[in-house]
């Protein structure tokens, strides 16, 4: 086995590890998005999050980690869609954000006047 083959095998192994780790973190972000929606009594649309950015940065402990930003959509009615955002620091939840959303009044209250 030559050094080139060894480097190639090592590179493929690192890529597979990174992909598997990313899938675990994505699933954690999906669970956090679902929990955020459940706590706010809104519907988590498509039951999924999507990765929009990856960058290096320092976490709260001063360590250099990969930050992953995920976005998702939610609704409180069948009409309006709103956005949410989750930032993961490695495998840890770093920050969450949800758009401000409109609370719809009950149609029966308006028509009874």
PDB file of N, CA and C in Angstrom:
ATOM      1  N   UNK A   1       0.854  -1.173   0.000  1.00  0.00           N
ATOM      2  CA  UNK A   1       0.000   0.000   0.000  1.00  0.00           C
ATOM      3  C   UNK A   1       0.903   1.240   0.000  1.00  0.00           C
ATOM      4  N   UNK A   2       0.636   2.140  -0.942  1.00  0.00           N
ATOM      5  CA  UNK A   2       1.442   3.353  -1.043  1.00  0.00           C
ATOM      6  C   UNK A   2       0.887   4.428  -0.123  1.00  0.00           C
ATOM      7  N   UNK A   3       1.659   5.454   0.051  1.00  0.00           N
ATOM      8  CA  UNK A   3       1.245   6.575   0.902  1.00  0.00           C
ATOM      9  C   UNK A   3       0.024   7.285   0.312  1.00  0.00           C
ATOM     10  N   UNK A   4      -0.061   7.328  -1.020  1.00  0.00           N
ATOM     11  CA  UNK A   4      -1.211   7.959  -1.684  1.00  0.00           C
ATOM     12  C   UNK A   4      -2.496   7.193  -1.379  1.00  0.00           C
ATOM     13  N   UNK A   5      -2.432   5.884  -1.443  1.00  0.00           N
ATOM     14  CA  UNK A   5      -3.618   5.082  -1.121  1.00  0.00           C
ATOM     15  C   UNK A   5      -4.017   5.251   0.332  1.00  0.00           C
ATOM     16  N   UNK A   6      -3.055   5.315   1.223  1.00  0.00           N
ATOM     17  CA  UNK A   6      -3.326   5.500   2.648  1.00  0.00           C
ATOM     18  C   UNK A   6      -4.001   6.844   2.919  1.00  0.00           C
ATOM     19  N   UNK A   7      -3.488   7.895   2.286  1.00  0.00           N
ATOM     20  CA  UNK A   7      -4.087   9.226   2.437  1.00  0.00           C
ATOM     21  C   UNK A   7      -5.499   9.244   1.862  1.00  0.00           C
ATOM     22  N   UNK A   8      -5.720   8.588   0.749  1.00  0.00           N
ATOM     23  CA  UNK A   8      -7.045   8.513   0.135  1.00  0.00           C
ATOM     24  C   UNK A   8      -8.030   7.782   1.051  1.00  0.00           C
ATOM     25  N   UNK A   9      -7.611   6.657   1.609  1.00  0.00           N
ATOM     26  CA  UNK A   9      -8.485   5.903   2.526  1.00  0.00           C
ATOM     27  C   UNK A   9      -8.787   6.730   3.772  1.00  0.00           C
ATOM     28  N   UNK A  10      -7.785   7.401   4.310  1.00  0.00           N
ATOM     29  CA  UNK A  10      -7.987   8.250   5.481  1.00  0.00           C
ATOM     30  C   UNK A  10      -8.940   9.404   5.166  1.00  0.00           C
ATOM     31  N   UNK A  11      -8.784  10.003   3.997  1.00  0.00           N
ATOM     32  CA  UNK A  11      -9.675  11.095   3.584  1.00  0.00           C
ATOM     33  C   UNK A  11     -11.123  10.644   3.459  1.00  0.00           C
ATOM     34  N   UNK A  12     -11.335   9.482   2.873  1.00  0.00           N
ATOM     35  CA  UNK A  12     -12.694   8.936   2.741  1.00  0.00           C
ATOM     36  C   UNK A  12     -13.280   8.642   4.116  1.00  0.00           C
ATOM     37  N   UNK A  13     -12.453   8.093   5.014  1.00  0.00           N
ATOM     38  CA  UNK A  13     -12.920   7.801   6.379  1.00  0.00           C
ATOM     39  C   UNK A  13     -13.330   9.084   7.106  1.00  0.00           C
ATOM     40  N   UNK A  14     -12.559  10.149   6.954  1.00  0.00           N
ATOM     41  CA  UNK A  14     -12.890  11.438   7.584  1.00  0.00           C
ATOM     42  C   UNK A  14     -14.192  11.996   7.004  1.00  0.00           C
ATOM     43  N   UNK A  15     -14.369  11.892   5.704  1.00  0.00           N
ATOM     44  CA  UNK A  15     -15.607  12.376   5.086  1.00  0.00           C
ATOM     45  C   UNK A  15     -16.827  11.590   5.575  1.00  0.00           C
ATOM     46  N   UNK A  16     -16.694  10.288   5.703  1.00  0.00           N
ATOM     47  CA  UNK A  16     -17.804   9.466   6.210  1.00  0.00           C
ATOM     48  C   UNK A  16     -18.112   9.837   7.653  1.00  0.00           C
ATOM     49  N   UNK A  17     -17.065  10.015   8.477  1.00  0.00           N
ATOM     50  CA  UNK A  17     -17.277  10.422   9.871  1.00  0.00           C
ATOM     51  C   UNK A  17     -17.980  11.777   9.932  1.00  0.00           C
ATOM     52  N   UNK A  18     -17.540  12.753   9.132  1.00  0.00           N
ATOM     53  CA  UNK A  18     -18.148  14.086   9.134  1.00  0.00           C
ATOM     54  C   UNK A  18     -19.618  14.015   8.723  1.00  0.00           C
ATOM     55  N   UNK A  19     -19.926  13.215   7.716  1.00  0.00           N
ATOM     56  CA  UNK A  19     -21.311  13.081   7.251  1.00  0.00           C
ATOM     57  C   UNK A  19     -22.188  12.457   8.342  1.00  0.00           C
ATOM     58  N   UNK A  20     -21.710  11.394   8.987  1.00  0.00           N
ATOM     59  CA  UNK A  20     -22.485  10.756  10.056  1.00  0.00           C
ATOM     60  C   UNK A  20     -22.683  11.703  11.241  1.00  0.00           C
ATOM     61  N   UNK A  21     -21.659  12.425  11.617  1.00  0.00           N
ATOM     62  CA  UNK A  21     -21.752  13.406  12.705  1.00  0.00           C
ATOM     63  C   UNK A  21     -22.746  14.509  12.348  1.00  0.00           C
ATOM     64  N   UNK A  22     -22.709  14.966  11.112  1.00  0.00           N
ATOM     65  CA  UNK A  22     -23.640  16.005  10.655  1.00  0.00           C
ATOM     66  C   UNK A  22     -25.084  15.519  10.698  1.00  0.00           C
ATOM     67  N   UNK A  23     -25.311  14.253  10.377  1.00  0.00           N
ATOM     68  CA  UNK A  23     -26.666  13.698  10.436  1.00  0.00           C
ATOM     69  C   UNK A  23     -27.184  13.667  11.875  1.00  0.00           C
ATOM     70  N   UNK A  24     -26.329  13.304  12.836  1.00  0.00           N
ATOM     71  CA  UNK A  24     -26.721  13.297  14.245  1.00  0.00           C
ATOM     72  C   UNK A  24     -27.062  14.702  14.731  1.00  0.00           C
ATOM     73  N   UNK A  25     -26.252  15.677  14.337  1.00  0.00           N
ATOM     74  CA  UNK A  25     -26.483  17.061  14.758  1.00  0.00           C
ATOM     75  C   UNK A  25     -27.744  17.600  14.102  1.00  0.00           C
ATOM     76  N   UNK A  26     -27.978  17.266  12.848  1.00  0.00           N
ATOM     77  CA  UNK A  26     -29.196  17.684  12.156  1.00  0.00           C
ATOM     78  C   UNK A  26     -30.436  17.119  12.842  1.00  0.00           C
ATOM     79  N   UNK A  27     -30.379  15.868  13.275  1.00  0.00           N
ATOM     80  CA  UNK A  27     -31.508  15.263  13.983  1.00  0.00           C
ATOM     81  C   UNK A  27     -31.738  15.947  15.328  1.00  0.00           C
ATOM     82  N   UNK A  28     -30.679  16.322  16.013  1.00  0.00           N
ATOM     83  CA  UNK A  28     -30.819  17.068  17.265  1.00  0.00           C
ATOM     84  C   UNK A  28     -31.467  18.430  17.013  1.00  0.00           C
ATOM     85  N   UNK A  29     -31.057  19.105  15.954  1.00  0.00           N
ATOM     86  CA  UNK A  29     -31.638  20.406  15.603  1.00  0.00           C
ATOM     87  C   UNK A  29     -33.113  20.255  15.254  1.00  0.00           C
ATOM     88  N   UNK A  30     -33.479  19.173  14.560  1.00  0.00           N
ATOM     89  CA  UNK A  30     -34.876  18.928  14.235  1.00  0.00           C
ATOM     90  C   UNK A  30     -35.703  18.742  15.505  1.00  0.00           C
ATOM     91  N   UNK A  31     -35.171  18.014  16.457  1.00  0.00           N
ATOM     92  CA  UNK A  31     -35.880  17.800  17.721  1.00  0.00           C
ATOM     93  C   UNK A  31     -36.026  19.110  18.495  1.00  0.00           C
ATOM     94  N   UNK A  32     -35.023  19.967  18.455  1.00  0.00           N
ATOM     95  CA  UNK A  32     -35.097  21.269  19.127  1.00  0.00           C
ATOM     96  C   UNK A  32     -36.146  22.143  18.448  1.00  0.00           C
ATOM     97  N   UNK A  33     -36.182  22.150  17.119  1.00  0.00           N
ATOM     98  CA  UNK A  33     -37.196  22.927  16.400  1.00  0.00           C
ATOM     99  C   UNK A  33     -38.600  22.452  16.718  1.00  0.00           C
ATOM    100  N   UNK A  34     -38.790  21.142  16.767  1.00  0.00           N
ATOM    101  CA  UNK A  34     -40.106  20.587  17.104  1.00  0.00           C
ATOM    102  C   UNK A  34     -40.509  20.969  18.527  1.00  0.00           C
ATOM    103  N   UNK A  35     -39.555  20.926  19.442  1.00  0.00           N
ATOM    104  CA  UNK A  35     -39.842  21.287  20.839  1.00  0.00           C
ATOM    105  C   UNK A  35     -40.156  22.781  20.965  1.00  0.00           C
ATOM    106  N   UNK A  36     -39.414  23.642  20.248  1.00  0.00           N
ATOM    107  CA  UNK A  36     -39.711  25.075  20.256  1.00  0.00           C
ATOM    108  C   UNK A  36     -41.142  25.332  19.779  1.00  0.00           C
ATOM    109  N   UNK A  37     -41.548  24.639  18.728  1.00  0.00           N
ATOM    110  CA  UNK A  37     -42.905  24.817  18.197  1.00  0.00           C
ATOM    111  C   UNK A  37     -43.950  24.293  19.179  1.00  0.00           C
ATOM    112  N   UNK A  38     -43.675  23.158  19.789  1.00  0.00           N
ATOM    113  CA  UNK A  38     -44.616  22.596  20.750  1.00  0.00           C
ATOM    114  C   UNK A  38     -44.806  23.545  21.937  1.00  0.00           C
ATOM    115  N   UNK A  39     -43.715  24.124  22.449  1.00  0.00           N
ATOM    116  CA  UNK A  39     -43.785  25.044  23.579  1.00  0.00           C
ATOM    117  C   UNK A  39     -44.586  26.297  23.243  1.00  0.00           C
ATOM    118  N   UNK A  40     -44.535  26.724  21.982  1.00  0.00           N
ATOM    119  CA  UNK A  40     -45.229  27.942  21.558  1.00  0.00           C
ATOM    120  C   UNK A  40     -46.580  27.656  20.915  1.00  0.00           C
ATOM    121  N   UNK A  41     -47.020  26.420  20.949  1.00  0.00           N
ATOM    122  CA  UNK A  41     -48.323  26.007  20.413  1.00  0.00           C
ATOM    123  C   UNK A  41     -48.497  26.380  18.941  1.00  0.00           C
ATOM    124  N   UNK A  42     -47.460  26.137  18.161  1.00  0.00           N
ATOM    125  CA  UNK A  42     -47.531  26.348  16.717  1.00  0.00           C
ATOM    126  C   UNK A  42     -47.171  25.035  16.033  1.00  0.00           C
ATOM    127  N   UNK A  43     -47.465  24.946  14.742  1.00  0.00           N
ATOM    128  CA  UNK A  43     -47.221  23.727  13.979  1.00  0.00           C
ATOM    129  C   UNK A  43     -45.845  23.785  13.316  1.00  0.00           C
ATOM    130  N   UNK A  44     -45.036  22.768  13.541  1.00  0.00           N
ATOM    131  CA  UNK A  44     -43.717  22.613  12.937  1.00  0.00           C
ATOM    132  C   UNK A  44     -43.914  22.065  11.533  1.00  0.00           C
ATOM    133  N   UNK A  45     -43.695  22.890  10.518  1.00  0.00           N
ATOM    134  CA  UNK A  45     -43.993  22.490   9.147  1.00  0.00           C
ATOM    135  C   UNK A  45     -42.935  21.562   8.574  1.00  0.00           C
ATOM    136  N   UNK A  46     -43.365  20.587   7.827  1.00  0.00           N
ATOM    137  CA  UNK A  46     -42.526  19.616   7.119  1.00  0.00           C
ATOM    138  C   UNK A  46     -41.701  18.727   8.050  1.00  0.00           C
ATOM    139  N   UNK A  47     -41.811  18.929   9.359  1.00  0.00           N
ATOM    140  CA  UNK A  47     -41.089  18.130  10.351  1.00  0.00           C
ATOM    141  C   UNK A  47     -39.607  18.015  10.003  1.00  0.00           C
ATOM    142  N   UNK A  48     -39.005  19.134   9.556  1.00  0.00           N
ATOM    143  CA  UNK A  48     -37.604  19.097   9.146  1.00  0.00           C
ATOM    144  C   UNK A  48     -36.936  20.457   9.331  1.00  0.00           C
ATOM    145  N   UNK A  49     -35.617  20.422   9.387  1.00  0.00           N
ATOM    146  CA  UNK A  49     -34.793  21.631   9.377  1.00  0.00           C
ATOM    147  C   UNK A  49     -33.829  21.496   8.205  1.00  0.00           C
ATOM    148  N   UNK A  50     -33.312  22.619   7.736  1.00  0.00           N
ATOM    149  CA  UNK A  50     -32.321  22.537   6.662  1.00  0.00           C
ATOM    150  C   UNK A  50     -31.109  23.405   7.009  1.00  0.00           C
ATOM    151  N   UNK A  51     -29.957  22.878   6.692  1.00  0.00           N
ATOM    152  CA  UNK A  51     -28.690  23.529   6.979  1.00  0.00           C
ATOM    153  C   UNK A  51     -28.490  24.697   6.023  1.00  0.00           C
ATOM    154  N   UNK A  52     -28.166  25.869   6.579  1.00  0.00           N
ATOM    155  CA  UNK A  52     -27.938  27.033   5.717  1.00  0.00           C
ATOM    156  C   UNK A  52     -26.518  27.577   5.827  1.00  0.00           C
ATOM    157  N   UNK A  53     -25.794  27.242   6.906  1.00  0.00           N
ATOM    158  CA  UNK A  53     -24.430  27.756   7.042  1.00  0.00           C
ATOM    159  C   UNK A  53     -23.615  26.889   8.000  1.00  0.00           C
ATOM    160  N   UNK A  54     -22.327  26.795   7.705  1.00  0.00           N
ATOM    161  CA  UNK A  54     -21.358  26.154   8.597  1.00  0.00           C
ATOM    162  C   UNK A  54     -20.166  27.098   8.685  1.00  0.00           C
ATOM    163  N   UNK A  55     -19.718  27.377   9.919  1.00  0.00           N
ATOM    164  CA  UNK A  55     -18.522  28.204  10.073  1.00  0.00           C
ATOM    165  C   UNK A  55     -17.826  27.864  11.386  1.00  0.00           C
ATOM    166  N   UNK A  56     -16.534  28.162  11.445  1.00  0.00           N
ATOM    167  CA  UNK A  56     -15.783  27.977  12.672  1.00  0.00           C
ATOM    168  C   UNK A  56     -15.982  29.183  13.575  1.00  0.00           C
ATOM    169  N   UNK A  57     -15.990  28.944  14.873  1.00  0.00           N
ATOM    170  CA  UNK A  57     -16.101  30.018  15.847  1.00  0.00           C
ATOM    171  C   UNK A  57     -15.759  29.479  17.220  1.00  0.00           C
ATOM    172  N   UNK A  58     -15.748  30.352  18.195  1.00  0.00           N
ATOM    173  CA  UNK A  58     -15.452  29.951  19.564  1.00  0.00           C
ATOM    174  C   UNK A  58     -16.753  29.801  20.345  1.00  0.00           C
ATOM    175  N   UNK A  59     -16.850  28.712  21.097  1.00  0.00           N
ATOM    176  CA  UNK A  59     -18.030  28.502  21.925  1.00  0.00           C
ATOM    177  C   UNK A  59     -17.872  29.240  23.254  1.00  0.00           C
ATOM    178  N   UNK A  60     -18.800  29.036  24.184  1.00  0.00           N
ATOM    179  CA  UNK A  60     -18.780  29.730  25.475  1.00  0.00           C
ATOM    180  C   UNK A  60     -17.569  29.360  26.327  1.00  0.00           C
ATOM    181  N   UNK A  61     -16.933  28.242  26.018  1.00  0.00           N
ATOM    182  CA  UNK A  61     -15.763  27.791  26.769  1.00  0.00           C
ATOM    183  C   UNK A  61     -14.457  28.211  26.100  1.00  0.00           C
ATOM    184  N   UNK A  62     -14.541  28.951  25.007  1.00  0.00           N
ATOM    185  CA  UNK A  62     -13.360  29.430  24.303  1.00  0.00           C
ATOM    186  C   UNK A  62     -12.759  28.444  23.324  1.00  0.00           C
ATOM    187  N   UNK A  63     -13.399  27.307  23.121  1.00  0.00           N
ATOM    188  CA  UNK A  63     -12.887  26.294  22.191  1.00  0.00           C
ATOM    189  C   UNK A  63     -13.367  26.595  20.769  1.00  0.00           C
ATOM    190  N   UNK A  64     -12.532  26.281  19.810  1.00  0.00           N
ATOM    191  CA  UNK A  64     -12.912  26.443  18.411  1.00  0.00           C
ATOM    192  C   UNK A  64     -13.771  25.247  18.011  1.00  0.00           C
ATOM    193  N   UNK A  65     -14.980  25.537  17.537  1.00  0.00           N
ATOM    194  CA  UNK A  65     -15.917  24.490  17.122  1.00  0.00           C
ATOM    195  C   UNK A  65     -16.576  24.913  15.818  1.00  0.00           C
ATOM    196  N   UNK A  66     -17.253  23.958  15.193  1.00  0.00           N
ATOM    197  CA  UNK A  66     -18.058  24.264  14.011  1.00  0.00           C
ATOM    198  C   UNK A  66     -19.443  24.703  14.465  1.00  0.00           C
ATOM    199  N   UNK A  67     -19.874  25.846  14.000  1.00  0.00           N
ATOM    200  CA  UNK A  67     -21.240  26.306  14.229  1.00  0.00           C
ATOM    201  C   UNK A  67     -22.051  25.969  12.997  1.00  0.00           C
ATOM    202  N   UNK A  68     -23.203  25.356  13.211  1.00  0.00           N
ATOM    203  CA  UNK A  68     -24.106  25.021  12.115  1.00  0.00           C
ATOM    204  C   UNK A  68     -25.412  25.779  12.331  1.00  0.00           C
ATOM    205  N   UNK A  69     -25.863  26.462  11.282  1.00  0.00           N
ATOM    206  CA  UNK A  69     -27.133  27.195  11.356  1.00  0.00           C
ATOM    207  C   UNK A  69     -28.183  26.439  10.555  1.00  0.00           C
ATOM    208  N   UNK A  70     -29.303  26.138  11.211  1.00  0.00           N
ATOM    209  CA  UNK A  70     -30.415  25.438  10.589  1.00  0.00           C
ATOM    210  C   UNK A  70     -31.626  26.362  10.585  1.00  0.00           C
ATOM    211  N   UNK A  71     -32.420  26.270   9.544  1.00  0.00           N
ATOM    212  CA  UNK A  71     -33.675  27.026   9.462  1.00  0.00           C
ATOM    213  C   UNK A  71     -34.830  26.053   9.343  1.00  0.00           C
ATOM    214  N   UNK A  72     -36.001  26.495   9.791  1.00  0.00           N
ATOM    215  CA  UNK A  72     -37.223  25.707   9.668  1.00  0.00           C
ATOM    216  C   UNK A  72     -38.403  26.657   9.555  1.00  0.00           C
ATOM    217  N   UNK A  73     -39.553  26.119   9.209  1.00  0.00           N
ATOM    218  CA  UNK A  73     -40.769  26.926   9.089  1.00  0.00           C
ATOM    219  C   UNK A  73     -41.827  26.405  10.044  1.00  0.00           C
ATOM    220  N   UNK A  74     -42.665  27.333  10.504  1.00  0.00           N
ATOM    221  CA  UNK A  74     -43.775  26.972  11.367  1.00  0.00           C
ATOM    222  C   UNK A  74     -44.965  27.855  11.034  1.00  0.00           C
ATOM    223  N   UNK A  75     -46.126  27.465  11.529  1.00  0.00           N
ATOM    224  CA  UNK A  75     -47.331  28.248  11.310  1.00  0.00           C
ATOM    225  C   UNK A  75     -48.221  28.147  12.539  1.00  0.00           C
ATOM    226  N   UNK A  76     -49.003  29.190  12.754  1.00  0.00           N
ATOM    227  CA  UNK A  76     -50.006  29.136  13.816  1.00  0.00           C
ATOM    228  C   UNK A  76     -51.407  29.088  13.212  1.00  0.00           C
ATOM    229  N   UNK A  77     -51.463  29.135  11.909  1.00  0.00           N
ATOM    230  CA  UNK A  77     -52.729  29.006  11.178  1.00  0.00           C
ATOM    231  C   UNK A  77     -52.389  28.287   9.877  1.00  0.00           C
ATOM    232  N   UNK A  78     -53.349  28.103   9.051  1.00  0.00           N
ATOM    233  CA  UNK A  78     -53.084  27.461   7.767  1.00  0.00           C
ATOM    234  C   UNK A  78     -52.709  28.490   6.700  1.00  0.00           C
ATOM    235  N   UNK A  79     -52.632  29.767   7.083  1.00  0.00           N
ATOM    236  CA  UNK A  79     -52.432  30.839   6.112  1.00  0.00           C
ATOM    237  C   UNK A  79     -50.999  31.354   6.084  1.00  0.00           C
ATOM    238  N   UNK A  80     -50.449  31.699   7.255  1.00  0.00           N
ATOM    239  CA  UNK A  80     -49.137  32.349   7.329  1.00  0.00           C
ATOM    240  C   UNK A  80     -48.037  31.353   7.681  1.00  0.00           C
ATOM    241  N   UNK A  81     -46.882  31.523   7.036  1.00  0.00           N
ATOM    242  CA  UNK A  81     -45.693  30.716   7.343  1.00  0.00           C
ATOM    243  C   UNK A  81     -44.653  31.641   7.958  1.00  0.00           C
ATOM    244  N   UNK A  82     -43.980  31.150   8.980  1.00  0.00           N
ATOM    245  CA  UNK A  82     -42.955  31.923   9.660  1.00  0.00           C
ATOM    246  C   UNK A  82     -41.678  31.091   9.733  1.00  0.00           C
ATOM    247  N   UNK A  83     -40.560  31.769   9.998  1.00  0.00           N
ATOM    248  CA  UNK A  83     -39.265  31.100  10.029  1.00  0.00           C
ATOM    249  C   UNK A  83     -38.713  30.992  11.440  1.00  0.00           C
ATOM    250  N   UNK A  84     -37.978  29.938  11.657  1.00  0.00           N
ATOM    251  CA  UNK A  84     -37.238  29.738  12.893  1.00  0.00           C
ATOM    252  C   UNK A  84     -35.803  29.411  12.548  1.00  0.00           C
ATOM    253  N   UNK A  85     -34.929  29.586  13.530  1.00  0.00           N
ATOM    254  CA  UNK A  85     -33.509  29.358  13.304  1.00  0.00           C
ATOM    255  C   UNK A  85     -32.915  28.685  14.539  1.00  0.00           C
ATOM    256  N   UNK A  86     -32.028  27.743  14.311  1.00  0.00           N
ATOM    257  CA  UNK A  86     -31.331  27.042  15.386  1.00  0.00           C
ATOM    258  C   UNK A  86     -29.847  27.060  15.056  1.00  0.00           C
ATOM    259  N   UNK A  87     -29.031  27.427  16.038  1.00  0.00           N
ATOM    260  CA  UNK A  87     -27.589  27.387  15.861  1.00  0.00           C
ATOM    261  C   UNK A  87     -27.036  26.331  16.812  1.00  0.00           C
ATOM    262  N   UNK A  88     -26.294  25.400  16.235  1.00  0.00           N
ATOM    263  CA  UNK A  88     -25.679  24.326  17.002  1.00  0.00           C
ATOM    264  C   UNK A  88     -24.173  24.585  17.086  1.00  0.00           C
ATOM    265  N   UNK A  89     -23.625  24.434  18.292  1.00  0.00           N
ATOM    266  CA  UNK A  89     -22.193  24.565  18.541  1.00  0.00           C
ATOM    267  C   UNK A  89     -21.657  23.161  18.769  1.00  0.00           C
ATOM    268  N   UNK A  90     -21.082  22.574  17.728  1.00  0.00           N
ATOM    269  CA  UNK A  90     -20.735  21.163  17.825  1.00  0.00           C
ATOM    270  C   UNK A  90     -22.026  20.368  17.948  1.00  0.00           C
ATOM    271  N   UNK A  91     -22.163  19.577  19.009  1.00  0.00           N
ATOM    272  CA  UNK A  91     -23.410  18.833  19.248  1.00  0.00           C
ATOM    273  C   UNK A  91     -24.348  19.561  20.196  1.00  0.00           C
ATOM    274  N   UNK A  92     -23.923  20.705  20.718  1.00  0.00           N
ATOM    275  CA  UNK A  92     -24.717  21.430  21.713  1.00  0.00           C
ATOM    276  C   UNK A  92     -25.590  22.500  21.067  1.00  0.00           C
ATOM    277  N   UNK A  93     -26.768  22.686  21.652  1.00  0.00           N
ATOM    278  CA  UNK A  93     -27.673  23.753  21.227  1.00  0.00           C
ATOM    279  C   UNK A  93     -27.092  25.070  21.720  1.00  0.00           C
ATOM    280  N   UNK A  94     -26.844  26.000  20.796  1.00  0.00           N
ATOM    281  CA  UNK A  94     -26.217  27.276  21.145  1.00  0.00           C
ATOM    282  C   UNK A  94     -27.240  28.404  21.223  1.00  0.00           C
ATOM    283  N   UNK A  95     -28.159  28.465  20.238  1.00  0.00           N
ATOM    284  CA  UNK A  95     -29.110  29.578  20.178  1.00  0.00           C
ATOM    285  C   UNK A  95     -30.312  29.185  19.318  1.00  0.00           C
ATOM    286  N   UNK A  96     -31.481  29.710  19.675  1.00  0.00           N
ATOM    287  CA  UNK A  96     -32.690  29.518  18.865  1.00  0.00           C
ATOM    288  C   UNK A  96     -33.374  30.858  18.666  1.00  0.00           C
ATOM    289  N   UNK A  97     -34.076  30.966  17.553  1.00  0.00           N
ATOM    290  CA  UNK A  97     -34.826  32.181  17.246  1.00  0.00           C
ATOM    291  C   UNK A  97     -36.073  31.786  16.471  1.00  0.00           C
ATOM    292  N   UNK A  98     -37.185  32.424  16.801  1.00  0.00           N
ATOM    293  CA  UNK A  98     -38.423  32.238  16.034  1.00  0.00           C
ATOM    294  C   UNK A  98     -38.954  33.614  15.653  1.00  0.00           C
ATOM    295  N   UNK A  99     -39.435  33.746  14.400  1.00  0.00           N
ATOM    296  CA  UNK A  99     -40.059  34.994  13.979  1.00  0.00           C
ATOM    297  C   UNK A  99     -41.231  35.335  14.888  1.00  0.00           C
ATOM    298  N   UNK A 100     -41.504  36.618  14.980  1.00  0.00           N
ATOM    299  CA  UNK A 100     -42.711  37.054  15.667  1.00  0.00           C
ATOM    300  C   UNK A 100     -43.881  36.676  14.780  1.00  0.00           C
ATOM    301  N   UNK A 101     -44.910  36.092  15.364  1.00  0.00           N
ATOM    302  CA  UNK A 101     -46.046  35.653  14.556  1.00  0.00           C
ATOM    303  C   UNK A 101     -47.341  36.245  15.085  1.00  0.00           C
ATOM    304  N   UNK A 102     -48.283  36.366  14.179  1.00  0.00           N
ATOM    305  CA  UNK A 102     -49.587  36.952  14.470  1.00  0.00           C
ATOM    306  C   UNK A 102     -50.484  35.918  15.135  1.00  0.00           C
ATOM    307  N   UNK A 103     -51.160  36.334  16.191  1.00  0.00           N
ATOM    308  CA  UNK A 103     -52.144  35.461  16.832  1.00  0.00           C
ATOM    309  C   UNK A 103     -53.497  35.803  16.223  1.00  0.00           C
ATOM    310  N   UNK A 104     -54.062  34.810  15.538  1.00  0.00           N
ATOM    311  CA  UNK A 104     -55.328  35.015  14.843  1.00  0.00           C
ATOM    312  C   UNK A 104     -56.488  35.009  15.835  1.00  0.00           C
ATOM    313  N   UNK A 105     -57.404  35.962  15.648  1.00  0.00           N
ATOM    314  CA  UNK A 105     -58.617  35.967  16.470  1.00  0.00           C
ATOM    315  C   UNK A 105     -59.581  34.937  15.937  1.00  0.00           C
ATOM    316  N   UNK A 106     -60.426  34.441  16.790  1.00  0.00           N
ATOM    317  CA  UNK A 106     -61.430  33.462  16.403  1.00  0.00           C
ATOM    318  C   UNK A 106     -62.477  34.143  15.515  1.00  0.00           C
ATOM    319  N   UNK A 107     -62.774  33.581  14.364  1.00  0.00           N
ATOM    320  CA  UNK A 107     -63.713  34.182  13.421  1.00  0.00           C
ATOM    321  C   UNK A 107     -65.108  34.306  14.013  1.00  0.00           C
ATOM    322  N   UNK A 108     -65.504  33.413  14.905  1.00  0.00           N
ATOM    323  CA  UNK A 108     -66.847  33.475  15.475  1.00  0.00           C
ATOM    324  C   UNK A 108     -67.020  34.678  16.384  1.00  0.00           C
ATOM    325  N   UNK A 109     -65.930  35.152  17.019  1.00  0.00           N
ATOM    326  CA  UNK A 109     -66.018  36.332  17.874  1.00  0.00           C
ATOM    327  C   UNK A 109     -66.259  37.593  17.049  1.00  0.00           C
ATOM    328  N   UNK A 110     -65.680  37.671  15.860  1.00  0.00           N
ATOM    329  CA  UNK A 110     -65.804  38.847  15.014  1.00  0.00           C
ATOM    330  C   UNK A 110     -67.203  38.895  14.400  1.00  0.00           C
ATOM    331  N   UNK A 111     -67.740  37.770  13.975  1.00  0.00           N
ATOM    332  CA  UNK A 111     -69.012  37.770  13.292  1.00  0.00           C
ATOM    333  C   UNK A 111     -70.197  37.940  14.249  1.00  0.00           C
ATOM    334  N   UNK A 112     -70.013  37.773  15.543  1.00  0.00           N
ATOM    335  CA  UNK A 112     -71.121  37.889  16.480  1.00  0.00           C
ATOM    336  C   UNK A 112     -71.422  39.325  16.869  1.00  0.00           C
ATOM    337  N   UNK A 113     -70.599  40.269  16.453  1.00  0.00           N
ATOM    338  CA  UNK A 113     -70.835  41.671  16.813  1.00  0.00           C
ATOM    339  C   UNK A 113     -71.890  42.318  15.988  1.00  0.00           C
TER     340      UNK A 113
END
